[in-house]
Amino acid sequence: MPQLNPNPWFLIMLASWLTFSLIIQPKLLAFTSTNSLSNKTHTPQKTSPWTWPWT
């Protein structure tokens, strides 16, 4: 059965894995996040109940 022959597919998988891990992944990991975390404490806003006009 030709599907079980790993000869051409193993080299394709190895080349794509090496391309991703050595070239693409370091470029993706080099990006910095534009939304940096801050040390601000979150204060909940005071909400007032909604007044329904029909009640």
Protein backbone atom coordinates (compact mmCIF):
# COMPACT_ATOMS: atom_id res chain seq x y z
CA MET A 1 0.00 0.00 0.00
CA PRO A 2 1.61 3.30 -1.03
CA GLN A 3 0.03 5.27 1.83
CA LEU A 4 2.24 3.46 4.35
CA ASN A 5 5.46 4.34 2.57
CA PRO A 6 7.04 7.12 4.71
CA ASN A 7 9.80 7.87 2.24
CA PRO A 8 8.49 11.08 0.57
CA TRP A 9 6.22 12.25 3.40
CA PHE A 10 8.75 12.05 6.21
CA LEU A 11 11.11 14.48 4.46
CA ILE A 12 8.23 16.87 3.75
CA MET A 13 7.11 16.74 7.38
CA LEU A 14 10.66 17.18 8.63
CA ALA A 15 11.32 20.15 6.34
CA SER A 16 8.07 21.89 7.31
CA TRP A 17 8.69 21.27 11.02
CA LEU A 18 12.23 22.64 10.81
CA THR A 19 11.01 25.65 8.83
CA PHE A 20 8.41 26.41 11.44
CA SER A 21 10.59 25.84 14.49
CA LEU A 22 13.74 27.57 13.25
CA ILE A 23 12.41 30.42 11.11
CA ILE A 24 8.77 31.23 11.75
CA GLN A 25 8.46 30.58 15.48
CA PRO A 26 11.26 32.95 16.62
CA LYS A 27 9.79 35.71 14.47
CA LEU A 28 6.36 35.19 16.01
CA LEU A 29 7.73 35.09 19.55
CA ALA A 30 9.66 38.33 18.99
CA PHE A 31 6.46 40.39 18.76
CA THR A 32 5.60 42.33 21.86
CA SER A 33 2.09 42.79 23.03
CA THR A 34 0.65 46.26 22.43
CA ASN A 35 -1.57 45.99 25.48
CA SER A 36 0.89 45.81 28.33
CA LEU A 37 -0.32 44.85 31.76
CA SER A 38 -0.55 47.57 34.36
CA ASN A 39 -0.51 47.55 38.14
CA LYS A 40 -3.70 49.56 38.46
CA THR A 41 -6.27 48.24 40.89
CA HIS A 42 -9.69 47.72 39.46
CA THR A 43 -12.35 49.68 41.31
CA PRO A 44 -15.89 48.58 40.55
CA GLN A 45 -18.12 51.34 39.33
CA LYS A 46 -21.19 52.14 41.35
CA THR A 47 -24.31 51.36 39.37
CA SER A 48 -27.79 52.60 40.03
CA PRO A 49 -30.87 50.48 39.42
CA TRP A 50 -32.72 51.03 36.21
CA THR A 51 -36.07 52.78 36.55
CA TRP A 52 -38.55 51.16 34.24
CA PRO A 53 -41.21 53.55 32.92
CA TRP A 54 -44.03 50.98 33.13
CA THR A 55 -43.65 50.00 36.77
